C-alpha atoms as a PDB file:
ATOM      1  CA  MET A   1      40.279 -21.413 -41.903  1.00  0.00           C
ATOM      2  CA  LYS A   2      42.583 -18.966 -40.117  1.00  0.00           C
ATOM      3  CA  ARG A   3      43.240 -15.513 -41.624  1.00  0.00           C
ATOM      4  CA  LEU A   4      46.816 -14.257 -41.111  1.00  0.00           C
ATOM      5  CA  ARG A   5      48.088 -10.734 -41.403  1.00  0.00           C
ATOM      6  CA  ASN A   6      50.677 -10.831 -44.183  1.00  0.00           C
ATOM      7  CA  LEU A   7      53.567  -9.066 -42.357  1.00  0.00           C
ATOM      8  CA  HIS A   8      53.232 -11.113 -39.202  1.00  0.00           C
ATOM      9  CA  ILE A   9      52.983 -14.708 -40.310  1.00  0.00           C
ATOM     10  CA  GLY A  10      55.302 -17.009 -38.348  1.00  0.00           C
ATOM     11  CA  ILE A  11      56.236 -20.498 -39.463  1.00  0.00           C
ATOM     12  CA  ASP A  12      58.068 -22.785 -37.045  1.00  0.00           C
ATOM     13  CA  GLN A  13      59.036 -26.372 -37.669  1.00  0.00           C
ATOM     14  CA  GLY A  14      60.932 -29.264 -36.304  1.00  0.00           C
ATOM     15  CA  ASP A  15      61.666 -33.004 -36.515  1.00  0.00           C
ATOM     16  CA  LEU A  16      62.030 -35.009 -33.302  1.00  0.00           C
ATOM     17  CA  ALA A  17      62.561 -38.529 -32.129  1.00  0.00           C
ATOM     18  CA  LEU A  18      59.485 -39.514 -30.034  1.00  0.00           C
ATOM     19  CA  PHE A  19      60.907 -42.797 -28.894  1.00  0.00           C
ATOM     20  CA  SER A  20      63.174 -45.771 -29.708  1.00  0.00           C
ATOM     21  CA  GLU A  21      62.241 -48.833 -27.657  1.00  0.00           C
ATOM     22  CA  PHE A  22      63.279 -51.937 -29.553  1.00  0.00           C
ATOM     23  CA  GLU A  23      66.774 -52.056 -28.008  1.00  0.00           C
ATOM     24  CA  GLU A  24      65.583 -51.729 -24.353  1.00  0.00           C
ATOM     25  CA  GLY A  25      62.429 -53.769 -24.826  1.00  0.00           C
ATOM     26  CA  GLY A  26      60.073 -50.911 -24.112  1.00  0.00           C
ATOM     27  CA  SER A  27      56.292 -51.312 -24.093  1.00  0.00           C
ATOM     28  CA  MET A  28      55.804 -49.928 -27.578  1.00  0.00           C
ATOM     29  CA  TRP A  29      57.909 -52.785 -28.819  1.00  0.00           C
ATOM     30  CA  THR A  30      56.946 -55.587 -26.394  1.00  0.00           C
ATOM     31  CA  GLY A  31      53.511 -54.467 -25.090  1.00  0.00           C
ATOM     32  CA  GLU A  32      49.946 -55.002 -26.276  1.00  0.00           C
ATOM     33  CA  GLY A  33      46.807 -53.022 -26.015  1.00  0.00           C
ATOM     34  CA  ALA A  34      46.564 -49.165 -25.931  1.00  0.00           C
ATOM     35  CA  ARG A  35      49.916 -47.427 -25.572  1.00  0.00           C
ATOM     36  CA  GLU A  36      50.835 -43.774 -25.866  1.00  0.00           C
ATOM     37  CA  ARG A  37      53.932 -41.549 -25.997  1.00  0.00           C
ATOM     38  CA  ARG A  38      53.586 -37.809 -25.486  1.00  0.00           C
ATOM     39  CA  MET A  39      56.194 -35.054 -25.824  1.00  0.00           C
ATOM     40  CA  GLN A  40      55.827 -31.324 -25.165  1.00  0.00           C
ATOM     41  CA  VAL A  41      57.067 -29.220 -28.076  1.00  0.00           C
ATOM     42  CA  PRO A  42      57.883 -25.507 -27.421  1.00  0.00           C
ATOM     43  CA  PHE A  43      57.753 -22.977 -30.182  1.00  0.00           C
ATOM     44  CA  LYS A  44      60.881 -20.904 -30.803  1.00  0.00           C
ATOM     45  CA  GLN A  45      58.717 -17.720 -30.361  1.00  0.00           C
ATOM     46  CA  THR A  46      55.351 -17.188 -28.805  1.00  0.00           C
ATOM     47  CA  TYR A  47      52.511 -16.708 -31.311  1.00  0.00           C
ATOM     48  CA  ARG A  48      49.966 -13.846 -30.940  1.00  0.00           C
ATOM     49  CA  ARG A  49      47.105 -16.375 -31.317  1.00  0.00           C
ATOM     50  CA  VAL A  50      47.004 -20.143 -31.269  1.00  0.00           C
ATOM     51  CA  PRO A  51      48.656 -21.332 -34.534  1.00  0.00           C
ATOM     52  CA  THR A  52      47.663 -24.158 -36.850  1.00  0.00           C
ATOM     53  CA  VAL A  53      49.939 -27.146 -36.285  1.00  0.00           C
ATOM     54  CA  HIS A  54      50.546 -29.941 -38.775  1.00  0.00           C
ATOM     55  CA  VAL A  55      52.238 -33.219 -37.808  1.00  0.00           C
ATOM     56  CA  SER A  56      53.519 -36.155 -39.829  1.00  0.00           C
ATOM     57  CA  MET A  57      55.664 -39.146 -39.276  1.00  0.00           C
ATOM     58  CA  SER A  58      59.162 -38.715 -40.744  1.00  0.00           C
ATOM     59  CA  LEU A  59      60.288 -42.176 -39.642  1.00  0.00           C
ATOM     60  CA  TRP A  60      58.458 -45.229 -38.452  1.00  0.00           C
ATOM     61  CA  ASP A  61      60.028 -48.575 -37.761  1.00  0.00           C
ATOM     62  CA  MET A  62      57.302 -51.194 -37.132  1.00  0.00           C
ATOM     63  CA  ASP A  63      57.080 -54.924 -37.084  1.00  0.00           C
ATOM     64  CA  THR A  64      54.998 -56.224 -39.993  1.00  0.00           C
ATOM     65  CA  SER A  65      53.930 -59.518 -38.496  1.00  0.00           C
ATOM     66  CA  ALA A  66      50.799 -57.850 -36.949  1.00  0.00           C
ATOM     67  CA  ALA A  67      48.475 -55.055 -38.247  1.00  0.00           C
ATOM     68  CA  ILE A  68      50.173 -51.620 -38.182  1.00  0.00           C
ATOM     69  CA  ARG A  69      47.968 -49.365 -36.040  1.00  0.00           C
ATOM     70  CA  ALA A  70      49.073 -45.826 -35.287  1.00  0.00           C
ATOM     71  CA  GLU A  71      47.848 -42.292 -34.682  1.00  0.00           C
ATOM     72  CA  LEU A  72      49.968 -39.180 -34.561  1.00  0.00           C
ATOM     73  CA  VAL A  73      48.282 -35.912 -33.438  1.00  0.00           C
ATOM     74  CA  ALA A  74      48.950 -32.480 -32.005  1.00  0.00           C
ATOM     75  CA  GLU A  75      47.058 -31.835 -28.784  1.00  0.00           C
ATOM     76  CA  ASN A  76      46.841 -29.063 -26.241  1.00  0.00           C
ATOM     77  CA  ILE A  77      47.991 -26.389 -28.756  1.00  0.00           C
ATOM     78  CA  THR A  78      48.728 -23.063 -27.178  1.00  0.00           C
ATOM     79  CA  THR A  79      50.498 -19.887 -28.307  1.00  0.00           C
ATOM     80  CA  SER A  80      53.806 -21.231 -26.804  1.00  0.00           C
ATOM     81  CA  GLY A  81      53.791 -24.937 -27.832  1.00  0.00           C
ATOM     82  CA  PHE A  82      51.840 -28.207 -28.114  1.00  0.00           C
ATOM     83  CA  ASP A  83      51.845 -31.907 -27.208  1.00  0.00           C
ATOM     84  CA  MET A  84      52.981 -34.356 -29.913  1.00  0.00           C
ATOM     85  CA  VAL A  85      51.124 -37.560 -29.272  1.00  0.00           C
ATOM     86  CA  PHE A  86      51.682 -41.015 -30.781  1.00  0.00           C
ATOM     87  CA  ARG A  87      49.310 -43.825 -30.062  1.00  0.00           C
ATOM     88  CA  THR A  88      49.087 -47.500 -31.013  1.00  0.00           C
ATOM     89  CA  TRP A  89      46.921 -50.362 -29.857  1.00  0.00           C
ATOM     90  CA  GLY A  90      46.224 -54.113 -30.252  1.00  0.00           C
ATOM     91  CA  ASP A  91      49.271 -56.251 -31.023  1.00  0.00           C
ATOM     92  CA  SER A  92      51.103 -53.617 -33.080  1.00  0.00           C
ATOM     93  CA  ARG A  93      54.819 -53.535 -32.349  1.00  0.00           C
ATOM     94  CA  VAL A  94      56.535 -50.159 -32.832  1.00  0.00           C
ATOM     95  CA  ALA A  95      60.355 -49.989 -32.612  1.00  0.00           C
ATOM     96  CA  ARG A  96      60.789 -46.194 -33.070  1.00  0.00           C
ATOM     97  CA  VAL A  97      59.055 -43.125 -34.370  1.00  0.00           C
ATOM     98  CA  ARG A  98      60.312 -39.693 -35.456  1.00  0.00           C
ATOM     99  CA  ALA A  99      57.804 -36.978 -36.178  1.00  0.00           C
ATOM    100  CA  ALA A 100      57.925 -33.764 -38.178  1.00  0.00           C
ATOM    101  CA  TRP A 101      55.786 -30.711 -37.335  1.00  0.00           C
ATOM    102  CA  MET A 102      54.982 -27.311 -38.672  1.00  0.00           C
ATOM    103  CA  ALA A 103      53.151 -24.409 -36.950  1.00  0.00           C
ATOM    104  CA  ILE A 104      51.790 -21.485 -38.880  1.00  0.00           C
ATOM    105  CA  GLY A 105      50.267 -18.464 -37.177  1.00  0.00           C
ATOM    106  CA  ASP A 106      50.031 -14.825 -36.349  1.00  0.00           C
ATOM    107  CA  LEU A 107      53.106 -13.418 -34.568  1.00  0.00           C
ATOM    108  CA  PRO A 108      53.004 -10.467 -32.175  1.00  0.00           C
ATOM    109  CA  HIS A 109      54.379  -7.141 -33.306  1.00  0.00           C
ATOM    110  CA  GLU A 110      55.731  -4.286 -31.219  1.00  0.00           C
ATOM    111  CA  ASP A 111      53.068  -1.924 -32.542  1.00  0.00           C
ATOM    112  CA  ASP A 112      50.194  -4.283 -31.534  1.00  0.00           C
ATOM    113  CA  TRP A 113      47.852  -3.044 -28.828  1.00  0.00           C
ATOM    114  CA  GLU A 114      44.483  -4.346 -27.683  1.00  0.00           C
ATOM    115  CA  VAL A 115      41.563  -2.523 -26.168  1.00  0.00           C
ATOM    116  CA  ASP A 116      39.592  -4.356 -23.420  1.00  0.00           C
END
Protein backbone atom coordinates (compact mmCIF):
# COMPACT_ATOMS: atom_id res chain seq x y z
CA MET A 1 0.00 0.00 0.00
CA LYS A 2 1.20 3.50 -0.77
CA ARG A 3 0.43 6.41 1.54
CA LEU A 4 -0.36 9.65 -0.26
CA ARG A 5 -0.32 13.16 1.13
CA ASN A 6 -3.85 14.45 0.74
CA LEU A 7 -3.04 17.80 -0.90
CA HIS A 8 -0.60 16.40 -3.42
CA ILE A 9 -2.33 13.38 -4.92
CA GLY A 10 -2.09 13.24 -8.70
CA ILE A 11 -4.29 11.08 -10.89
CA ASP A 12 -3.42 10.77 -14.58
CA GLN A 13 -5.22 8.55 -17.07
CA GLY A 14 -5.52 7.69 -20.71
CA ASP A 15 -6.81 5.28 -23.31
CA LEU A 16 -4.60 4.29 -26.23
CA ALA A 17 -4.64 2.00 -29.23
CA LEU A 18 -1.75 -0.45 -28.82
CA PHE A 19 -2.12 -1.95 -32.28
CA SER A 20 -4.48 -2.84 -35.13
CA GLU A 21 -2.99 -5.58 -37.31
CA PHE A 22 -5.79 -7.49 -39.01
CA GLU A 23 -5.93 -5.18 -42.07
CA GLU A 24 -2.17 -5.34 -42.74
CA GLY A 25 -1.75 -8.99 -41.73
CA GLY A 26 0.59 -8.20 -38.81
CA SER A 27 2.06 -10.92 -36.62
CA MET A 28 -0.52 -10.49 -33.83
CA TRP A 29 -3.17 -11.51 -36.37
CA THR A 30 -1.26 -13.99 -38.54
CA GLY A 31 1.55 -15.24 -36.28
CA GLU A 32 1.87 -18.01 -33.73
CA GLY A 33 3.91 -18.43 -30.58
CA ALA A 34 4.99 -15.70 -28.19
CA ARG A 35 4.28 -12.16 -29.43
CA GLU A 36 4.49 -8.80 -27.70
CA ARG A 37 3.61 -5.15 -28.32
CA ARG A 38 5.10 -2.46 -26.10
CA MET A 39 4.32 1.25 -25.98
CA GLN A 40 5.92 3.94 -23.82
CA VAL A 41 3.34 6.06 -22.01
CA PRO A 42 4.45 9.45 -20.60
CA PHE A 43 2.65 11.06 -17.68
CA LYS A 44 1.34 14.60 -18.16
CA GLN A 45 3.34 15.68 -15.10
CA THR A 46 6.26 14.06 -13.30
CA TYR A 47 5.35 12.43 -9.99
CA ARG A 48 7.39 12.98 -6.81
CA ARG A 49 7.66 9.22 -6.27
CA VAL A 50 6.88 6.25 -8.52
CA PRO A 51 3.05 6.10 -8.78
CA THR A 52 0.76 3.10 -8.74
CA VAL A 53 -0.38 2.26 -12.29
CA HIS A 54 -3.50 0.28 -13.18
CA VAL A 55 -4.08 -1.02 -16.73
CA SER A 56 -7.08 -2.67 -18.37
CA MET A 57 -8.22 -3.57 -21.86
CA SER A 58 -10.84 -1.14 -23.12
CA LEU A 59 -11.18 -2.94 -26.47
CA TRP A 60 -10.04 -6.32 -27.64
CA ASP A 61 -10.87 -7.78 -31.01
CA MET A 62 -9.84 -11.44 -31.12
CA ASP A 63 -10.54 -14.46 -33.25
CA THR A 64 -12.55 -17.02 -31.29
CA SER A 65 -11.56 -20.10 -33.31
CA ALA A 66 -8.59 -20.66 -30.96
CA ALA A 67 -8.05 -20.12 -27.25
CA ILE A 68 -7.89 -16.46 -26.26
CA ARG A 69 -4.59 -15.92 -24.46
CA ALA A 70 -3.57 -12.43 -23.41
CA GLU A 71 -1.66 -10.49 -20.80
CA LEU A 72 -1.69 -6.72 -20.31
CA VAL A 73 0.77 -5.22 -17.81
CA ALA A 74 2.50 -1.98 -16.85
CA GLU A 75 6.28 -2.39 -16.75
CA ASN A 76 9.25 -0.12 -16.10
CA ILE A 77 7.17 2.37 -14.10
CA THR A 78 9.06 5.58 -13.28
CA THR A 79 8.06 9.02 -12.05
CA SER A 80 7.68 10.19 -15.66
CA GLY A 81 5.97 7.25 -17.39
CA PHE A 82 5.74 3.50 -17.96
CA ASP A 83 5.64 0.80 -20.64
CA MET A 84 2.23 -0.63 -21.55
CA VAL A 85 2.86 -4.24 -22.60
CA PHE A 86 0.45 -6.65 -24.32
CA ARG A 87 1.46 -10.29 -24.81
CA THR A 88 -0.17 -13.28 -26.42
CA TRP A 89 1.07 -16.76 -27.29
CA GLY A 90 0.14 -20.05 -28.89
CA ASP A 91 -2.30 -19.86 -31.81
CA SER A 92 -4.27 -16.87 -30.46
CA ARG A 93 -5.14 -14.34 -33.16
CA VAL A 94 -5.48 -10.73 -32.04
CA ALA A 95 -6.82 -8.16 -34.49
CA ARG A 96 -6.55 -5.07 -32.28
CA VAL A 97 -6.24 -3.91 -28.69
CA ARG A 98 -6.95 -0.63 -26.96
CA ALA A 99 -5.88 -0.20 -23.33
CA ALA A 100 -6.93 2.16 -20.56
CA TRP A 101 -4.59 3.19 -17.76
CA MET A 102 -4.62 5.18 -14.54
CA ALA A 103 -1.70 6.38 -12.44
CA ILE A 104 -2.15 7.57 -8.86
CA GLY A 105 0.70 9.03 -6.87
CA ASP A 106 2.35 11.80 -4.93
CA LEU A 107 2.99 15.00 -6.89
CA PRO A 108 5.81 17.42 -6.15
CA HIS A 109 5.02 20.75 -4.54
CA GLU A 110 6.98 23.99 -4.71
CA ASP A 111 7.48 23.91 -0.91
CA ASP A 112 9.01 20.41 -0.95
CA TRP A 113 12.63 20.10 0.10
CA GLU A 114 14.74 17.11 0.93
CA VAL A 115 17.72 16.77 3.23
CA ASP A 116 20.50 14.42 2.12
